[in-house]
Amino acid sequence: MKHLRIMAVALLIVAGVAAAMVLSQHLTAAEHPGEVDPQEVSDLAALAKVGPIDTHAHVFQDVPAYYRFMK
């Protein structure tokens, strides 16, 4: 039973170290962004200018609850 407890603690320590390494890589990558593609910046700016898109639904049954939901 003592060996099982030691193995469980060791596994938790290894998992914690692995998680810390992965998280630190993501955090340091976020601090140093790569070069930004000017075309991507232009495309995103154009996309931001797009107006609302017409969304609608087709209803094949006359269900009052559905109409209330859509309002």
N, C-alpha and C. Protein backbone atom coordinates (compact mmCIF):
# COMPACT_ATOMS: atom_id res chain seq x y z
N MET A 1 0.83 -1.19 0.00
CA MET A 1 0.00 0.00 0.00
C MET A 1 0.87 1.26 0.00
N LYS A 2 2.02 1.19 0.72
CA LYS A 2 2.90 2.34 0.79
C LYS A 2 3.51 2.63 -0.58
N HIS A 3 3.84 1.57 -1.34
CA HIS A 3 4.42 1.74 -2.68
C HIS A 3 3.41 2.38 -3.62
N LEU A 4 2.16 2.01 -3.48
CA LEU A 4 1.11 2.59 -4.32
C LEU A 4 0.96 4.08 -4.05
N ARG A 5 1.02 4.46 -2.79
CA ARG A 5 0.92 5.86 -2.42
C ARG A 5 2.11 6.66 -2.97
N ILE A 6 3.30 6.09 -2.88
CA ILE A 6 4.50 6.75 -3.40
C ILE A 6 4.39 6.90 -4.92
N MET A 7 3.92 5.89 -5.61
CA MET A 7 3.76 5.95 -7.06
C MET A 7 2.72 7.01 -7.45
N ALA A 8 1.64 7.11 -6.68
CA ALA A 8 0.61 8.09 -6.98
C ALA A 8 1.15 9.51 -6.81
N VAL A 9 1.90 9.74 -5.75
CA VAL A 9 2.49 11.06 -5.51
C VAL A 9 3.50 11.38 -6.61
N ALA A 10 4.32 10.41 -7.00
CA ALA A 10 5.30 10.63 -8.07
C ALA A 10 4.60 10.96 -9.38
N LEU A 11 3.52 10.27 -9.67
CA LEU A 11 2.77 10.53 -10.89
C LEU A 11 2.18 11.93 -10.88
N LEU A 12 1.66 12.36 -9.74
CA LEU A 12 1.12 13.72 -9.63
C LEU A 12 2.21 14.77 -9.82
N ILE A 13 3.38 14.51 -9.27
CA ILE A 13 4.49 15.45 -9.43
C ILE A 13 4.91 15.55 -10.89
N VAL A 14 5.04 14.42 -11.55
CA VAL A 14 5.41 14.41 -12.97
C VAL A 14 4.35 15.12 -13.81
N ALA A 15 3.08 14.86 -13.53
CA ALA A 15 2.00 15.51 -14.28
C ALA A 15 2.02 17.02 -14.03
N GLY A 16 2.28 17.44 -12.82
CA GLY A 16 2.35 18.87 -12.51
C GLY A 16 3.51 19.55 -13.22
N VAL A 17 4.66 18.89 -13.26
CA VAL A 17 5.82 19.46 -13.95
C VAL A 17 5.54 19.55 -15.44
N ALA A 18 4.93 18.52 -16.00
CA ALA A 18 4.61 18.54 -17.43
C ALA A 18 3.61 19.64 -17.75
N ALA A 19 2.60 19.81 -16.92
CA ALA A 19 1.61 20.86 -17.14
C ALA A 19 2.26 22.24 -17.02
N ALA A 20 3.16 22.41 -16.07
CA ALA A 20 3.85 23.69 -15.91
C ALA A 20 4.71 24.00 -17.13
N MET A 21 5.35 23.00 -17.70
CA MET A 21 6.18 23.22 -18.88
C MET A 21 5.33 23.63 -20.07
N VAL A 22 4.21 22.96 -20.26
CA VAL A 22 3.34 23.29 -21.38
C VAL A 22 2.78 24.70 -21.22
N LEU A 23 2.32 25.03 -20.02
CA LEU A 23 1.76 26.36 -19.78
C LEU A 23 2.82 27.45 -19.95
N SER A 24 4.03 27.19 -19.50
CA SER A 24 5.07 28.22 -19.62
C SER A 24 5.41 28.45 -21.08
N GLN A 25 5.37 27.41 -21.91
CA GLN A 25 5.63 27.59 -23.35
C GLN A 25 4.56 28.46 -23.98
N HIS A 26 3.31 28.24 -23.60
CA HIS A 26 2.22 29.03 -24.16
C HIS A 26 2.29 30.48 -23.68
N LEU A 27 2.64 30.69 -22.43
CA LEU A 27 2.72 32.05 -21.91
C LEU A 27 3.87 32.83 -22.52
N THR A 28 5.00 32.18 -22.70
CA THR A 28 6.13 32.88 -23.30
C THR A 28 5.89 33.12 -24.78
N ALA A 29 5.17 32.25 -25.44
CA ALA A 29 4.85 32.46 -26.86
C ALA A 29 3.92 33.65 -27.01
N ALA A 30 3.01 33.84 -26.07
CA ALA A 30 2.07 34.96 -26.13
C ALA A 30 2.79 36.29 -25.90
N GLU A 31 3.88 36.28 -25.13
CA GLU A 31 4.63 37.51 -24.85
C GLU A 31 5.45 37.96 -26.05
N HIS A 32 5.81 37.03 -26.93
CA HIS A 32 6.66 37.34 -28.08
C HIS A 32 5.96 36.92 -29.37
N PRO A 33 4.96 37.70 -29.80
CA PRO A 33 4.26 37.30 -31.01
C PRO A 33 5.18 37.40 -32.23
N GLY A 34 4.92 36.57 -33.21
CA GLY A 34 5.69 36.60 -34.44
C GLY A 34 5.32 37.81 -35.28
N GLU A 35 5.96 37.91 -36.39
CA GLU A 35 5.65 39.03 -37.28
C GLU A 35 4.23 38.91 -37.79
N VAL A 36 3.58 40.04 -37.93
CA VAL A 36 2.19 40.08 -38.39
C VAL A 36 2.19 40.28 -39.90
N ASP A 37 1.44 39.44 -40.59
CA ASP A 37 1.32 39.54 -42.04
C ASP A 37 0.45 40.75 -42.38
N PRO A 38 0.97 41.71 -43.14
CA PRO A 38 0.18 42.90 -43.48
C PRO A 38 -1.10 42.56 -44.24
N GLN A 39 -1.06 41.52 -45.06
CA GLN A 39 -2.26 41.12 -45.79
C GLN A 39 -3.33 40.63 -44.83
N GLU A 40 -2.92 39.91 -43.78
CA GLU A 40 -3.88 39.42 -42.79
C GLU A 40 -4.51 40.60 -42.04
N VAL A 41 -3.71 41.60 -41.71
CA VAL A 41 -4.23 42.78 -41.03
C VAL A 41 -5.26 43.47 -41.91
N SER A 42 -4.93 43.60 -43.19
CA SER A 42 -5.84 44.24 -44.14
C SER A 42 -7.15 43.45 -44.27
N ASP A 43 -7.02 42.12 -44.37
CA ASP A 43 -8.21 41.27 -44.50
C ASP A 43 -9.10 41.36 -43.27
N LEU A 44 -8.49 41.36 -42.09
CA LEU A 44 -9.28 41.44 -40.86
C LEU A 44 -9.96 42.80 -40.73
N ALA A 45 -9.28 43.86 -41.15
CA ALA A 45 -9.89 45.19 -41.11
C ALA A 45 -11.09 45.25 -42.04
N ALA A 46 -10.97 44.65 -43.24
CA ALA A 46 -12.08 44.63 -44.20
C ALA A 46 -13.24 43.80 -43.65
N LEU A 47 -12.92 42.70 -43.00
CA LEU A 47 -13.97 41.85 -42.43
C LEU A 47 -14.71 42.57 -41.30
N ALA A 48 -13.99 43.37 -40.54
CA ALA A 48 -14.62 44.11 -39.44
C ALA A 48 -15.62 45.14 -39.96
N LYS A 49 -15.45 45.60 -41.19
CA LYS A 49 -16.35 46.59 -41.78
C LYS A 49 -17.62 45.99 -42.35
N VAL A 50 -17.68 44.66 -42.44
CA VAL A 50 -18.85 44.00 -43.00
C VAL A 50 -20.04 44.22 -42.07
N GLY A 51 -21.17 44.58 -42.64
CA GLY A 51 -22.37 44.81 -41.84
C GLY A 51 -22.97 43.51 -41.35
N PRO A 52 -24.04 43.61 -40.60
CA PRO A 52 -24.70 42.41 -40.09
C PRO A 52 -25.15 41.50 -41.24
N ILE A 53 -25.08 40.24 -40.99
CA ILE A 53 -25.48 39.25 -41.99
C ILE A 53 -26.92 38.87 -41.73
N ASP A 54 -27.70 38.80 -42.80
CA ASP A 54 -29.12 38.43 -42.68
C ASP A 54 -29.23 36.98 -42.23
N THR A 55 -29.80 36.77 -41.08
CA THR A 55 -30.05 35.42 -40.60
C THR A 55 -31.54 35.22 -40.50
N HIS A 56 -31.97 34.05 -40.87
CA HIS A 56 -33.40 33.77 -40.82
C HIS A 56 -33.59 32.27 -40.62
N ALA A 57 -34.81 31.88 -40.37
CA ALA A 57 -35.12 30.47 -40.15
C ALA A 57 -36.35 30.10 -40.97
N HIS A 58 -36.38 28.88 -41.43
CA HIS A 58 -37.54 28.35 -42.13
C HIS A 58 -38.33 27.49 -41.15
N VAL A 59 -39.62 27.76 -41.03
CA VAL A 59 -40.46 27.03 -40.10
C VAL A 59 -41.49 26.25 -40.90
N PHE A 60 -41.54 24.96 -40.66
CA PHE A 60 -42.47 24.11 -41.38
C PHE A 60 -43.69 23.72 -40.55
N GLN A 61 -43.67 24.10 -39.28
CA GLN A 61 -44.81 23.83 -38.42
C GLN A 61 -45.18 25.12 -37.71
N ASP A 62 -46.45 25.34 -37.53
CA ASP A 62 -46.91 26.54 -36.83
C ASP A 62 -46.92 26.25 -35.33
N VAL A 63 -45.79 26.56 -34.67
CA VAL A 63 -45.64 26.29 -33.25
C VAL A 63 -45.41 27.62 -32.54
N PRO A 64 -46.37 28.08 -31.74
CA PRO A 64 -46.23 29.37 -31.07
C PRO A 64 -44.98 29.48 -30.19
N ALA A 65 -44.58 28.41 -29.56
CA ALA A 65 -43.40 28.45 -28.71
C ALA A 65 -42.15 28.78 -29.53
N TYR A 66 -42.09 28.28 -30.75
CA TYR A 66 -40.93 28.56 -31.60
C TYR A 66 -40.91 30.05 -31.98
N TYR A 67 -42.04 30.60 -32.29
CA TYR A 67 -42.10 32.02 -32.65
C TYR A 67 -41.71 32.89 -31.45
N ARG A 68 -42.12 32.51 -30.26
CA ARG A 68 -41.71 33.26 -29.06
C ARG A 68 -40.21 33.17 -28.87
N PHE A 69 -39.67 31.99 -29.11
CA PHE A 69 -38.22 31.78 -28.98
C PHE A 69 -37.45 32.67 -29.96
N MET A 70 -37.94 32.80 -31.18
CA MET A 70 -37.25 33.58 -32.21
C MET A 70 -37.30 35.08 -31.94
N LYS A 71 -38.30 35.54 -31.20
CA LYS A 71 -38.40 36.95 -30.89
C LYS A 71 -37.36 37.28 -29.86
